[in-house]
Amino acid sequence: LTDPLKPFDQQTSKDEHGVTRAKGYGSVQNLLQSLGQHVNVVCLQETKLGSAHDLTAETATPKGWDSFFSICRLTQRGKSGYAGVCVYFRKELMVLSAEEGITGVLSGAAGDAVGVGAEESESDADDVDPDPPKADPGKRDTRRASTASHKMRSRFTLDRMRELDAEGRCLVVDFGRFVLINVYVPAVTSSDPVEAATRAAFKLDF
């Protein structure tokens, strides 16, 4: 996000290191104000919130704005405050629906086994927050969700779908006149060949 007070090399980086960290703009309100009056929707990635408890009113609803967040659900060491995306939009805009993830599993669109009371695998129970933050689902297009669900279930198990959506990497927001998809694609950065191969497979599935 361009800040006229920053030199060019910092502008092209676009990495503000988390929405709650006082660096550069100092606050989300200042960041949004710096974009001017003609920007109505803003997508941020790598928001680095550890849980919904880190989301303050000042961060979630700056003056004149509302937001949706997808926060990493993984709880194992090294994953707290990891990845995460959000969409800020001016309060006068109408939002028809908002959904987390790329598979539909977080909204219960992946089948009857998913949703309230669904059983988790042992691996999920170890790594995923049992009471994760949830975006307001609003009024979902069930036909679209059903189609996505069928395609995903034909390729992946429910466990894999939960794993793909556990890092808080995607938000889908329906504004009526257009549907916005904010995706933070995973990278392969490990120098360990085994870990790098595992991450590469994750990225390809994603």
N, C-alpha and C. Protein backbone atom coordinates (compact mmCIF):
# COMPACT_ATOMS: atom_id res chain seq x y z
N LEU A 1 0.84 -1.19 0.00
CA LEU A 1 0.00 0.00 0.00
C LEU A 1 0.88 1.25 0.00
N THR A 2 0.61 2.13 -0.90
CA THR A 2 1.49 3.27 -1.10
C THR A 2 1.35 4.30 0.01
N ASP A 3 2.48 4.69 0.58
CA ASP A 3 2.55 5.76 1.57
C ASP A 3 3.49 6.81 1.00
N PRO A 4 3.02 8.04 0.72
CA PRO A 4 3.86 9.06 0.10
C PRO A 4 5.07 9.44 0.93
N LEU A 5 5.05 9.12 2.23
CA LEU A 5 6.18 9.47 3.09
C LEU A 5 7.28 8.42 3.07
N LYS A 6 7.03 7.29 2.40
CA LYS A 6 8.02 6.21 2.35
C LYS A 6 8.78 6.26 1.04
N PRO A 7 10.08 5.88 1.07
CA PRO A 7 10.84 5.80 -0.18
C PRO A 7 10.32 4.68 -1.06
N PHE A 8 10.71 4.69 -2.33
CA PHE A 8 10.16 3.77 -3.32
C PHE A 8 10.37 2.31 -2.95
N ASP A 9 11.55 1.96 -2.40
CA ASP A 9 11.82 0.56 -2.11
C ASP A 9 10.87 0.01 -1.04
N GLN A 10 10.43 0.84 -0.11
CA GLN A 10 9.49 0.40 0.91
C GLN A 10 8.07 0.33 0.35
N GLN A 11 7.75 1.18 -0.62
CA GLN A 11 6.42 1.15 -1.23
C GLN A 11 6.22 -0.15 -2.00
N THR A 12 7.23 -0.62 -2.69
CA THR A 12 7.07 -1.82 -3.51
C THR A 12 7.03 -3.09 -2.67
N SER A 13 7.47 -3.01 -1.41
CA SER A 13 7.45 -4.18 -0.53
C SER A 13 6.05 -4.58 -0.14
N LYS A 14 5.23 -3.62 0.23
CA LYS A 14 3.82 -3.83 0.59
C LYS A 14 3.65 -4.75 1.81
N ASP A 15 4.65 -4.94 2.62
CA ASP A 15 4.56 -5.83 3.78
C ASP A 15 4.58 -4.99 5.04
N GLU A 16 3.42 -4.86 5.69
CA GLU A 16 3.32 -4.02 6.87
C GLU A 16 3.45 -4.82 8.17
N HIS A 17 3.72 -6.12 8.07
CA HIS A 17 4.03 -6.95 9.23
C HIS A 17 2.92 -6.99 10.27
N GLY A 18 1.71 -7.18 9.82
CA GLY A 18 0.61 -7.39 10.77
C GLY A 18 -0.21 -6.14 11.01
N VAL A 19 -1.53 -6.31 11.08
CA VAL A 19 -2.41 -5.15 11.22
C VAL A 19 -2.38 -4.53 12.60
N THR A 20 -1.87 -5.24 13.60
CA THR A 20 -1.88 -4.70 14.95
C THR A 20 -0.53 -4.11 15.35
N ARG A 21 0.44 -4.15 14.48
CA ARG A 21 1.78 -3.68 14.83
C ARG A 21 1.99 -2.24 14.38
N ALA A 22 2.47 -1.42 15.28
CA ALA A 22 2.66 0.01 14.99
C ALA A 22 3.92 0.20 14.17
N LYS A 23 3.81 0.08 12.85
CA LYS A 23 4.94 0.26 11.96
C LYS A 23 4.46 1.02 10.72
N GLY A 24 5.17 2.08 10.37
CA GLY A 24 4.80 2.82 9.17
C GLY A 24 3.59 3.71 9.40
N TYR A 25 2.38 3.17 9.29
CA TYR A 25 1.17 3.95 9.41
C TYR A 25 0.74 4.17 10.86
N GLY A 26 1.10 3.28 11.75
CA GLY A 26 0.78 3.44 13.17
C GLY A 26 -0.55 2.87 13.58
N SER A 27 -1.52 2.83 12.67
CA SER A 27 -2.83 2.26 12.98
C SER A 27 -3.54 1.92 11.68
N VAL A 28 -4.54 1.06 11.78
CA VAL A 28 -5.34 0.72 10.60
C VAL A 28 -6.09 1.95 10.10
N GLN A 29 -6.58 2.78 11.03
CA GLN A 29 -7.30 4.00 10.64
C GLN A 29 -6.42 4.90 9.78
N ASN A 30 -5.16 5.08 10.18
CA ASN A 30 -4.24 5.92 9.41
C ASN A 30 -3.96 5.30 8.04
N LEU A 31 -3.81 3.98 8.00
CA LEU A 31 -3.54 3.30 6.75
C LEU A 31 -4.69 3.51 5.77
N LEU A 32 -5.92 3.31 6.23
CA LEU A 32 -7.08 3.46 5.36
C LEU A 32 -7.26 4.91 4.92
N GLN A 33 -7.01 5.85 5.82
CA GLN A 33 -7.13 7.26 5.47
C GLN A 33 -6.11 7.66 4.41
N SER A 34 -4.94 7.03 4.43
CA SER A 34 -3.89 7.37 3.48
C SER A 34 -4.25 7.00 2.05
N LEU A 35 -5.25 6.14 1.87
CA LEU A 35 -5.62 5.69 0.54
C LEU A 35 -6.56 6.66 -0.17
N GLY A 36 -7.11 7.63 0.57
CA GLY A 36 -7.97 8.63 -0.04
C GLY A 36 -9.44 8.27 0.02
N GLN A 37 -10.27 9.18 -0.48
CA GLN A 37 -11.72 9.06 -0.38
C GLN A 37 -12.34 8.17 -1.45
N HIS A 38 -11.58 7.83 -2.49
CA HIS A 38 -12.16 7.09 -3.61
C HIS A 38 -11.93 5.58 -3.51
N VAL A 39 -11.28 5.14 -2.45
CA VAL A 39 -11.07 3.70 -2.22
C VAL A 39 -12.16 3.20 -1.28
N ASN A 40 -12.91 2.21 -1.73
CA ASN A 40 -14.03 1.70 -0.95
C ASN A 40 -13.81 0.31 -0.37
N VAL A 41 -12.89 -0.44 -0.96
CA VAL A 41 -12.61 -1.80 -0.50
C VAL A 41 -11.10 -1.99 -0.47
N VAL A 42 -10.59 -2.57 0.62
CA VAL A 42 -9.15 -2.78 0.78
C VAL A 42 -8.91 -4.22 1.21
N CYS A 43 -7.99 -4.90 0.53
CA CYS A 43 -7.59 -6.26 0.90
C CYS A 43 -6.21 -6.25 1.53
N LEU A 44 -6.07 -6.90 2.67
CA LEU A 44 -4.79 -7.05 3.33
C LEU A 44 -4.47 -8.53 3.51
N GLN A 45 -3.19 -8.85 3.46
CA GLN A 45 -2.74 -10.23 3.64
C GLN A 45 -1.61 -10.26 4.66
N GLU A 46 -1.42 -11.42 5.24
CA GLU A 46 -0.45 -11.61 6.32
C GLU A 46 -0.76 -10.67 7.48
N THR A 47 -1.98 -10.74 7.97
CA THR A 47 -2.41 -9.88 9.07
C THR A 47 -1.86 -10.35 10.41
N LYS A 48 -1.46 -11.62 10.50
CA LYS A 48 -0.70 -12.14 11.65
C LYS A 48 -1.42 -12.01 12.99
N LEU A 49 -2.71 -12.24 13.02
CA LEU A 49 -3.43 -12.26 14.29
C LEU A 49 -3.36 -13.67 14.89
N GLY A 50 -3.08 -13.73 16.19
CA GLY A 50 -2.96 -15.03 16.84
C GLY A 50 -4.29 -15.70 17.07
N SER A 51 -5.33 -14.90 17.33
CA SER A 51 -6.68 -15.42 17.54
C SER A 51 -7.66 -14.26 17.43
N ALA A 52 -8.95 -14.57 17.55
CA ALA A 52 -9.96 -13.52 17.50
C ALA A 52 -9.82 -12.55 18.68
N HIS A 53 -9.18 -13.00 19.76
CA HIS A 53 -8.98 -12.13 20.92
C HIS A 53 -8.04 -10.97 20.61
N ASP A 54 -7.22 -11.11 19.56
CA ASP A 54 -6.31 -10.04 19.17
C ASP A 54 -7.01 -8.97 18.34
N LEU A 55 -8.25 -9.22 17.96
CA LEU A 55 -8.98 -8.31 17.09
C LEU A 55 -9.74 -7.28 17.92
N THR A 56 -9.20 -6.08 18.03
CA THR A 56 -9.84 -5.02 18.79
C THR A 56 -10.85 -4.28 17.93
N ALA A 57 -11.68 -3.47 18.58
CA ALA A 57 -12.66 -2.67 17.85
C ALA A 57 -11.97 -1.69 16.91
N GLU A 58 -10.84 -1.15 17.34
CA GLU A 58 -10.10 -0.19 16.51
C GLU A 58 -9.57 -0.86 15.25
N THR A 59 -9.21 -2.14 15.36
CA THR A 59 -8.70 -2.86 14.20
C THR A 59 -9.82 -3.36 13.30
N ALA A 60 -10.90 -3.86 13.90
CA ALA A 60 -11.98 -4.47 13.12
C ALA A 60 -12.90 -3.44 12.48
N THR A 61 -13.17 -2.36 13.19
CA THR A 61 -14.13 -1.36 12.69
C THR A 61 -13.59 0.05 12.84
N PRO A 62 -12.56 0.40 12.08
CA PRO A 62 -12.10 1.79 12.08
C PRO A 62 -13.23 2.72 11.66
N LYS A 63 -13.16 3.98 12.03
CA LYS A 63 -14.24 4.93 11.75
C LYS A 63 -14.60 4.93 10.27
N GLY A 64 -15.87 4.61 9.99
CA GLY A 64 -16.36 4.62 8.62
C GLY A 64 -16.17 3.32 7.87
N TRP A 65 -15.56 2.31 8.52
CA TRP A 65 -15.24 1.06 7.84
C TRP A 65 -15.75 -0.14 8.64
N ASP A 66 -15.98 -1.24 7.93
CA ASP A 66 -16.24 -2.53 8.54
C ASP A 66 -15.27 -3.53 7.93
N SER A 67 -15.29 -4.79 8.39
CA SER A 67 -14.28 -5.72 7.89
C SER A 67 -14.71 -7.17 8.08
N PHE A 68 -14.03 -8.04 7.35
CA PHE A 68 -14.08 -9.49 7.56
C PHE A 68 -12.66 -9.98 7.69
N PHE A 69 -12.44 -10.92 8.62
CA PHE A 69 -11.11 -11.49 8.84
C PHE A 69 -11.16 -13.01 8.72
N SER A 70 -10.10 -13.58 8.19
CA SER A 70 -9.87 -15.02 8.27
C SER A 70 -8.54 -15.20 9.00
N ILE A 71 -8.59 -15.86 10.15
CA ILE A 71 -7.44 -15.98 11.04
C ILE A 71 -6.95 -17.42 11.07
N CYS A 72 -5.64 -17.60 11.10
CA CYS A 72 -5.06 -18.94 11.13
C CYS A 72 -5.59 -19.73 12.31
N ARG A 73 -6.08 -20.94 12.04
CA ARG A 73 -6.64 -21.80 13.08
C ARG A 73 -5.62 -22.76 13.68
N LEU A 74 -4.46 -22.87 13.10
CA LEU A 74 -3.46 -23.82 13.58
C LEU A 74 -2.91 -23.36 14.92
N THR A 75 -2.74 -24.30 15.85
CA THR A 75 -2.30 -23.95 17.20
C THR A 75 -0.94 -24.53 17.55
N GLN A 76 -0.34 -25.32 16.64
CA GLN A 76 0.96 -25.89 16.99
C GLN A 76 2.03 -24.80 17.02
N ARG A 77 3.16 -25.11 17.62
CA ARG A 77 4.24 -24.14 17.81
C ARG A 77 4.68 -23.55 16.47
N GLY A 78 4.83 -22.24 16.44
CA GLY A 78 5.30 -21.56 15.25
C GLY A 78 4.20 -21.08 14.33
N LYS A 79 2.93 -21.44 14.60
CA LYS A 79 1.84 -21.06 13.72
C LYS A 79 0.94 -19.98 14.31
N SER A 80 1.13 -19.64 15.59
CA SER A 80 0.33 -18.58 16.18
C SER A 80 0.75 -17.24 15.57
N GLY A 81 -0.21 -16.42 15.18
CA GLY A 81 0.12 -15.16 14.53
C GLY A 81 0.67 -15.36 13.14
N TYR A 82 0.14 -16.37 12.43
CA TYR A 82 0.67 -16.76 11.12
C TYR A 82 -0.34 -16.42 10.03
N ALA A 83 0.16 -15.94 8.90
CA ALA A 83 -0.65 -15.68 7.70
C ALA A 83 -1.86 -14.79 8.05
N GLY A 84 -3.05 -15.15 7.54
CA GLY A 84 -4.26 -14.37 7.80
C GLY A 84 -4.52 -13.32 6.74
N VAL A 85 -5.81 -13.14 6.40
CA VAL A 85 -6.22 -12.12 5.44
C VAL A 85 -7.43 -11.36 5.98
N CYS A 86 -7.66 -10.18 5.45
CA CYS A 86 -8.86 -9.43 5.83
C CYS A 86 -9.30 -8.55 4.67
N VAL A 87 -10.56 -8.17 4.71
CA VAL A 87 -11.13 -7.25 3.73
C VAL A 87 -11.82 -6.12 4.49
N TYR A 88 -11.37 -4.89 4.25
CA TYR A 88 -12.03 -3.71 4.81
C TYR A 88 -12.93 -3.11 3.73
N PHE A 89 -14.11 -2.63 4.14
CA PHE A 89 -15.02 -1.99 3.19
C PHE A 89 -15.77 -0.88 3.91
N ARG A 90 -16.10 0.15 3.16
CA ARG A 90 -16.82 1.27 3.76
C ARG A 90 -18.22 0.82 4.18
N LYS A 91 -18.68 1.34 5.32
CA LYS A 91 -19.91 0.86 5.93
C LYS A 91 -21.15 1.09 5.07
N GLU A 92 -21.10 2.03 4.14
CA GLU A 92 -22.27 2.27 3.31
C GLU A 92 -22.44 1.21 2.22
N LEU A 93 -21.44 0.38 2.00
CA LEU A 93 -21.54 -0.68 0.99
C LEU A 93 -22.42 -1.82 1.49
N MET A 94 -23.17 -2.41 0.57
CA MET A 94 -24.00 -3.56 0.91
C MET A 94 -23.22 -4.84 0.66
N VAL A 95 -23.19 -5.72 1.65
CA VAL A 95 -22.53 -7.02 1.52
C VAL A 95 -23.59 -8.11 1.59
N LEU A 96 -23.64 -8.97 0.59
CA LEU A 96 -24.61 -10.06 0.57
C LEU A 96 -24.13 -11.27 1.36
N SER A 97 -22.83 -11.55 1.30
CA SER A 97 -22.31 -12.70 2.04
C SER A 97 -20.80 -12.59 2.16
N ALA A 98 -20.26 -13.32 3.14
CA ALA A 98 -18.81 -13.42 3.31
C ALA A 98 -18.49 -14.84 3.75
N GLU A 99 -17.45 -15.41 3.18
CA GLU A 99 -17.12 -16.81 3.43
C GLU A 99 -15.61 -16.98 3.53
N GLU A 100 -15.17 -17.82 4.45
CA GLU A 100 -13.75 -18.10 4.61
C GLU A 100 -13.36 -19.33 3.81
N GLY A 101 -12.12 -19.32 3.33
CA GLY A 101 -11.54 -20.52 2.75
C GLY A 101 -11.82 -20.73 1.28
N ILE A 102 -11.10 -21.71 0.69
CA ILE A 102 -11.24 -22.01 -0.73
C ILE A 102 -12.06 -23.27 -0.98
N THR A 103 -12.32 -24.07 0.06
CA THR A 103 -12.96 -25.36 -0.14
C THR A 103 -14.43 -25.40 0.23
N GLY A 104 -14.91 -24.46 1.04
CA GLY A 104 -16.28 -24.48 1.52
C GLY A 104 -16.45 -25.22 2.83
N VAL A 105 -15.38 -25.87 3.31
CA VAL A 105 -15.50 -26.69 4.51
C VAL A 105 -15.78 -25.86 5.76
N LEU A 106 -15.30 -24.63 5.82
CA LEU A 106 -15.49 -23.80 7.01
C LEU A 106 -16.91 -23.29 7.14
N SER A 107 -17.63 -23.24 6.02
CA SER A 107 -19.01 -22.78 6.04
C SER A 107 -20.00 -23.92 6.09
N GLY A 108 -19.50 -25.17 6.10
CA GLY A 108 -20.38 -26.32 6.10
C GLY A 108 -20.86 -26.69 4.72
N ALA A 109 -20.21 -26.15 3.67
CA ALA A 109 -20.66 -26.42 2.31
C ALA A 109 -20.09 -27.70 1.73
N ALA A 110 -19.22 -28.38 2.49
CA ALA A 110 -18.53 -29.54 1.92
C ALA A 110 -19.27 -30.85 2.15
N GLY A 111 -20.40 -30.82 2.83
CA GLY A 111 -21.13 -32.06 3.03
C GLY A 111 -21.69 -32.14 4.43
N ASP A 112 -22.52 -33.16 4.69
CA ASP A 112 -23.21 -33.30 5.96
C ASP A 112 -22.27 -33.56 7.12
N ALA A 113 -21.06 -34.06 6.84
CA ALA A 113 -20.12 -34.39 7.91
C ALA A 113 -19.45 -33.15 8.49
N VAL A 114 -19.66 -31.99 7.86
CA VAL A 114 -18.99 -30.77 8.29
C VAL A 114 -20.01 -29.82 8.91
N GLY A 115 -19.60 -29.14 9.97
CA GLY A 115 -20.48 -28.16 10.60
C GLY A 115 -20.62 -28.45 12.08
N VAL A 116 -21.67 -27.96 12.70
CA VAL A 116 -21.86 -28.13 14.13
C VAL A 116 -22.00 -29.61 14.46
N GLY A 117 -21.19 -30.07 15.39
CA GLY A 117 -21.27 -31.46 15.82
C GLY A 117 -20.48 -32.42 14.96
N ALA A 118 -19.82 -31.92 13.92
CA ALA A 118 -19.04 -32.81 13.05
C ALA A 118 -17.83 -33.34 13.80
N GLU A 119 -17.46 -34.57 13.52
CA GLU A 119 -16.32 -35.18 14.18
C GLU A 119 -15.04 -34.76 13.49
N GLU A 120 -14.00 -34.50 14.29
CA GLU A 120 -12.70 -34.15 13.76
C GLU A 120 -11.79 -35.36 13.86
N SER A 121 -10.81 -35.40 12.97
CA SER A 121 -9.81 -36.46 13.06
C SER A 121 -8.85 -36.16 14.19
N GLU A 122 -8.03 -37.13 14.58
CA GLU A 122 -7.07 -36.90 15.66
C GLU A 122 -6.08 -35.83 15.28
N SER A 123 -5.66 -35.81 14.02
CA SER A 123 -4.68 -34.80 13.60
C SER A 123 -5.29 -33.41 13.68
N ASP A 124 -6.57 -33.26 13.30
CA ASP A 124 -7.24 -31.97 13.39
C ASP A 124 -7.36 -31.52 14.83
N ALA A 125 -7.69 -32.44 15.72
CA ALA A 125 -7.88 -32.10 17.12
C ALA A 125 -6.59 -31.56 17.72
N ASP A 126 -5.44 -32.05 17.24
CA ASP A 126 -4.16 -31.62 17.78
C ASP A 126 -3.75 -30.25 17.27
N ASP A 127 -4.09 -29.94 16.00
CA ASP A 127 -3.52 -28.77 15.35
C ASP A 127 -4.47 -27.62 15.13
N VAL A 128 -5.77 -27.84 15.24
CA VAL A 128 -6.73 -26.80 14.89
C VAL A 128 -7.46 -26.31 16.12
N ASP A 129 -7.60 -25.00 16.22
CA ASP A 129 -8.32 -24.37 17.33
C ASP A 129 -9.74 -24.93 17.40
N PRO A 130 -10.17 -25.50 18.54
CA PRO A 130 -11.51 -26.07 18.63
C PRO A 130 -12.62 -25.04 18.61
N ASP A 131 -12.30 -23.77 18.86
CA ASP A 131 -13.32 -22.71 18.84
C ASP A 131 -12.82 -21.56 17.98
N PRO A 132 -12.70 -21.78 16.66
CA PRO A 132 -12.06 -20.79 15.80
C PRO A 132 -12.95 -19.58 15.57
N PRO A 133 -12.34 -18.44 15.20
CA PRO A 133 -13.12 -17.26 14.85
C PRO A 133 -13.87 -17.51 13.56
N LYS A 134 -15.07 -16.94 13.44
CA LYS A 134 -15.88 -17.17 12.25
C LYS A 134 -16.32 -15.85 11.65
N ALA A 135 -16.27 -15.80 10.31
CA ALA A 135 -16.82 -14.64 9.62
C ALA A 135 -18.33 -14.78 9.55
N ASP A 136 -19.04 -13.65 9.52
CA ASP A 136 -20.48 -13.67 9.38
C ASP A 136 -20.84 -14.26 8.03
N PRO A 137 -21.52 -15.41 7.99
CA PRO A 137 -21.78 -16.04 6.70
C PRO A 137 -22.79 -15.30 5.85
N GLY A 138 -23.63 -14.44 6.47
CA GLY A 138 -24.60 -13.67 5.72
C GLY A 138 -25.57 -14.58 4.96
N LYS A 139 -25.86 -14.20 3.76
CA LYS A 139 -26.80 -14.96 2.92
C LYS A 139 -26.01 -15.64 1.81
N ARG A 140 -25.68 -16.91 2.00
CA ARG A 140 -24.81 -17.60 1.07
C ARG A 140 -25.56 -18.07 -0.17
N ASP A 141 -24.86 -18.11 -1.30
CA ASP A 141 -25.39 -18.69 -2.52
C ASP A 141 -25.19 -20.19 -2.43
N THR A 142 -26.22 -20.93 -2.06
CA THR A 142 -26.09 -22.36 -1.82
C THR A 142 -25.80 -23.14 -3.09
N ARG A 143 -26.23 -22.65 -4.23
CA ARG A 143 -25.94 -23.34 -5.48
C ARG A 143 -24.45 -23.30 -5.78
N ARG A 144 -23.83 -22.13 -5.60
CA ARG A 144 -22.40 -22.00 -5.82
C ARG A 144 -21.63 -22.85 -4.84
N ALA A 145 -22.05 -22.85 -3.57
CA ALA A 145 -21.36 -23.63 -2.54
C ALA A 145 -21.48 -25.12 -2.84
N SER A 146 -22.64 -25.55 -3.32
CA SER A 146 -22.85 -26.95 -3.63
C SER A 146 -21.94 -27.42 -4.75
N THR A 147 -21.80 -26.58 -5.79
CA THR A 147 -20.93 -26.92 -6.91
C THR A 147 -19.48 -27.02 -6.47
N ALA A 148 -19.04 -26.03 -5.67
CA ALA A 148 -17.66 -26.05 -5.16
C ALA A 148 -17.44 -27.26 -4.28
N SER A 149 -18.44 -27.57 -3.45
CA SER A 149 -18.33 -28.70 -2.55
C SER A 149 -18.13 -29.99 -3.32
N HIS A 150 -18.92 -30.21 -4.35
CA HIS A 150 -18.83 -31.43 -5.13
C HIS A 150 -17.46 -31.57 -5.78
N LYS A 151 -16.95 -30.49 -6.34
CA LYS A 151 -15.65 -30.53 -7.00
C LYS A 151 -14.54 -30.80 -5.99
N MET A 152 -14.62 -30.17 -4.83
CA MET A 152 -13.59 -30.37 -3.82
C MET A 152 -13.62 -31.80 -3.27
N ARG A 153 -14.81 -32.32 -2.99
CA ARG A 153 -14.93 -33.66 -2.43
C ARG A 153 -14.46 -34.73 -3.41
N SER A 154 -14.51 -34.42 -4.70
CA SER A 154 -14.04 -35.38 -5.70
C SER A 154 -12.52 -35.44 -5.75
N ARG A 155 -11.86 -34.43 -5.18
CA ARG A 155 -10.39 -34.37 -5.23
C ARG A 155 -9.72 -34.58 -3.87
N PHE A 156 -10.36 -34.10 -2.79
CA PHE A 156 -9.71 -34.10 -1.48
C PHE A 156 -10.58 -34.74 -0.41
N THR A 157 -9.93 -35.26 0.62
CA THR A 157 -10.65 -35.72 1.80
C THR A 157 -11.05 -34.51 2.63
N LEU A 158 -11.98 -34.70 3.57
CA LEU A 158 -12.38 -33.60 4.45
C LEU A 158 -11.20 -33.12 5.29
N ASP A 159 -10.36 -34.06 5.72
CA ASP A 159 -9.19 -33.66 6.51
C ASP A 159 -8.28 -32.73 5.70
N ARG A 160 -8.08 -33.06 4.42
CA ARG A 160 -7.21 -32.23 3.58
C ARG A 160 -7.86 -30.87 3.34
N MET A 161 -9.16 -30.84 3.17
CA MET A 161 -9.85 -29.57 2.96
C MET A 161 -9.74 -28.68 4.18
N ARG A 162 -9.88 -29.28 5.37
CA ARG A 162 -9.71 -28.50 6.60
C ARG A 162 -8.28 -27.96 6.71
N GLU A 163 -7.32 -28.79 6.32
CA GLU A 163 -5.92 -28.39 6.39
C GLU A 163 -5.65 -27.23 5.43
N LEU A 164 -6.21 -27.28 4.23
CA LEU A 164 -5.99 -26.22 3.25
C LEU A 164 -6.56 -24.89 3.71
N ASP A 165 -7.65 -24.94 4.47
CA ASP A 165 -8.30 -23.71 4.91
C ASP A 165 -7.94 -23.28 6.32
N ALA A 166 -7.06 -24.02 6.99
CA ALA A 166 -6.76 -23.75 8.40
C ALA A 166 -5.81 -22.58 8.61
N GLU A 167 -5.13 -22.11 7.56
CA GLU A 167 -4.13 -21.07 7.73
C GLU A 167 -4.68 -19.66 7.53
N GLY A 168 -5.97 -19.52 7.27
CA GLY A 168 -6.57 -18.19 7.11
C GLY A 168 -6.09 -17.48 5.87
N ARG A 169 -6.16 -18.15 4.72
CA ARG A 169 -5.57 -17.61 3.50
C ARG A 169 -6.58 -17.10 2.46
N CYS A 170 -7.86 -17.19 2.74
CA CYS A 170 -8.81 -16.77 1.71
C CYS A 170 -10.10 -16.23 2.32
N LEU A 171 -10.60 -15.15 1.74
CA LEU A 171 -11.93 -14.61 2.03
C LEU A 171 -12.65 -14.37 0.72
N VAL A 172 -13.92 -14.76 0.67
CA VAL A 172 -14.77 -14.51 -0.50
C VAL A 172 -15.92 -13.62 -0.03
N VAL A 173 -16.00 -12.42 -0.58
CA VAL A 173 -17.02 -11.46 -0.17
C VAL A 173 -17.87 -11.07 -1.38
N ASP A 174 -19.17 -11.27 -1.24
CA ASP A 174 -20.12 -10.97 -2.32
C ASP A 174 -20.73 -9.59 -2.08
N PHE A 175 -20.37 -8.64 -2.92
CA PHE A 175 -20.89 -7.28 -2.82
C PHE A 175 -22.10 -7.05 -3.74
N GLY A 176 -22.62 -8.12 -4.31
CA GLY A 176 -23.78 -7.99 -5.19
C GLY A 176 -23.39 -7.74 -6.63
N ARG A 177 -22.76 -6.61 -6.90
CA ARG A 177 -22.35 -6.28 -8.26
C ARG A 177 -21.06 -6.99 -8.64
N PHE A 178 -20.33 -7.47 -7.66
CA PHE A 178 -19.12 -8.25 -7.93
C PHE A 178 -18.80 -9.10 -6.71
N VAL A 179 -18.03 -10.16 -6.94
CA VAL A 179 -17.56 -11.02 -5.86
C VAL A 179 -16.06 -10.85 -5.74
N LEU A 180 -15.61 -10.51 -4.56
CA LEU A 180 -14.19 -10.27 -4.30
C LEU A 180 -13.57 -11.51 -3.65
N ILE A 181 -12.45 -11.96 -4.19
CA ILE A 181 -11.72 -13.10 -3.62
C ILE A 181 -10.34 -12.61 -3.21
N ASN A 182 -10.08 -12.60 -1.92
CA ASN A 182 -8.78 -12.18 -1.37
C ASN A 182 -8.02 -13.43 -0.98
N VAL A 183 -6.97 -13.77 -1.73
CA VAL A 183 -6.23 -15.02 -1.54
C VAL A 183 -4.76 -14.72 -1.25
N TYR A 184 -4.24 -15.30 -0.19
CA TYR A 184 -2.83 -15.22 0.15
C TYR A 184 -2.21 -16.60 -0.12
N VAL A 185 -1.55 -16.73 -1.26
CA VAL A 185 -1.06 -18.03 -1.71
C VAL A 185 0.15 -18.47 -0.88
N PRO A 186 0.19 -19.73 -0.44
CA PRO A 186 1.33 -20.21 0.36
C PRO A 186 2.61 -20.28 -0.47
N ALA A 187 3.72 -20.16 0.24
CA ALA A 187 5.04 -20.23 -0.40
C ALA A 187 5.82 -21.43 0.13
N VAL A 188 6.87 -21.81 -0.60
CA VAL A 188 7.77 -22.88 -0.15
C VAL A 188 9.10 -22.22 0.19
N THR A 189 9.40 -22.09 1.48
CA THR A 189 10.58 -21.34 1.91
C THR A 189 11.58 -22.17 2.73
N SER A 190 11.20 -23.38 3.13
CA SER A 190 12.07 -24.17 4.01
C SER A 190 13.30 -24.68 3.26
N SER A 191 14.45 -24.69 3.96
CA SER A 191 15.68 -25.25 3.40
C SER A 191 15.77 -26.75 3.63
N ASP A 192 14.90 -27.28 4.50
CA ASP A 192 14.86 -28.73 4.74
C ASP A 192 14.13 -29.40 3.57
N PRO A 193 14.77 -30.36 2.88
CA PRO A 193 14.15 -30.94 1.69
C PRO A 193 12.83 -31.67 1.96
N VAL A 194 12.73 -32.34 3.11
CA VAL A 194 11.50 -33.06 3.43
C VAL A 194 10.37 -32.07 3.69
N GLU A 195 10.65 -31.06 4.50
CA GLU A 195 9.64 -30.05 4.82
C GLU A 195 9.25 -29.26 3.57
N ALA A 196 10.24 -28.97 2.72
CA ALA A 196 9.97 -28.24 1.49
C ALA A 196 9.06 -29.04 0.56
N ALA A 197 9.28 -30.35 0.49
CA ALA A 197 8.45 -31.21 -0.36
C ALA A 197 7.01 -31.25 0.16
N THR A 198 6.87 -31.33 1.48
CA THR A 198 5.53 -31.33 2.08
C THR A 198 4.80 -30.02 1.78
N ARG A 199 5.55 -28.93 1.91
CA ARG A 199 4.94 -27.62 1.67
C ARG A 199 4.61 -27.43 0.20
N ALA A 200 5.45 -27.96 -0.68
CA ALA A 200 5.19 -27.85 -2.11
C ALA A 200 3.90 -28.58 -2.47
N ALA A 201 3.68 -29.73 -1.86
CA ALA A 201 2.44 -30.49 -2.10
C ALA A 201 1.24 -29.71 -1.61
N PHE A 202 1.39 -29.07 -0.45
CA PHE A 202 0.32 -28.23 0.11
C PHE A 202 -0.01 -27.09 -0.85
N LYS A 203 1.04 -26.46 -1.36
CA LYS A 203 0.85 -25.32 -2.27
C LYS A 203 0.15 -25.76 -3.55
N LEU A 204 0.53 -26.90 -4.11
CA LEU A 204 -0.10 -27.40 -5.32
C LEU A 204 -1.58 -27.72 -5.08
N ASP A 205 -1.89 -28.32 -3.95
CA ASP A 205 -3.29 -28.60 -3.63
C ASP A 205 -4.08 -27.31 -3.45
N PHE A 206 -3.45 -26.32 -2.79
CA PHE A 206 -4.11 -25.04 -2.58
C PHE A 206 -4.43 -24.37 -3.91
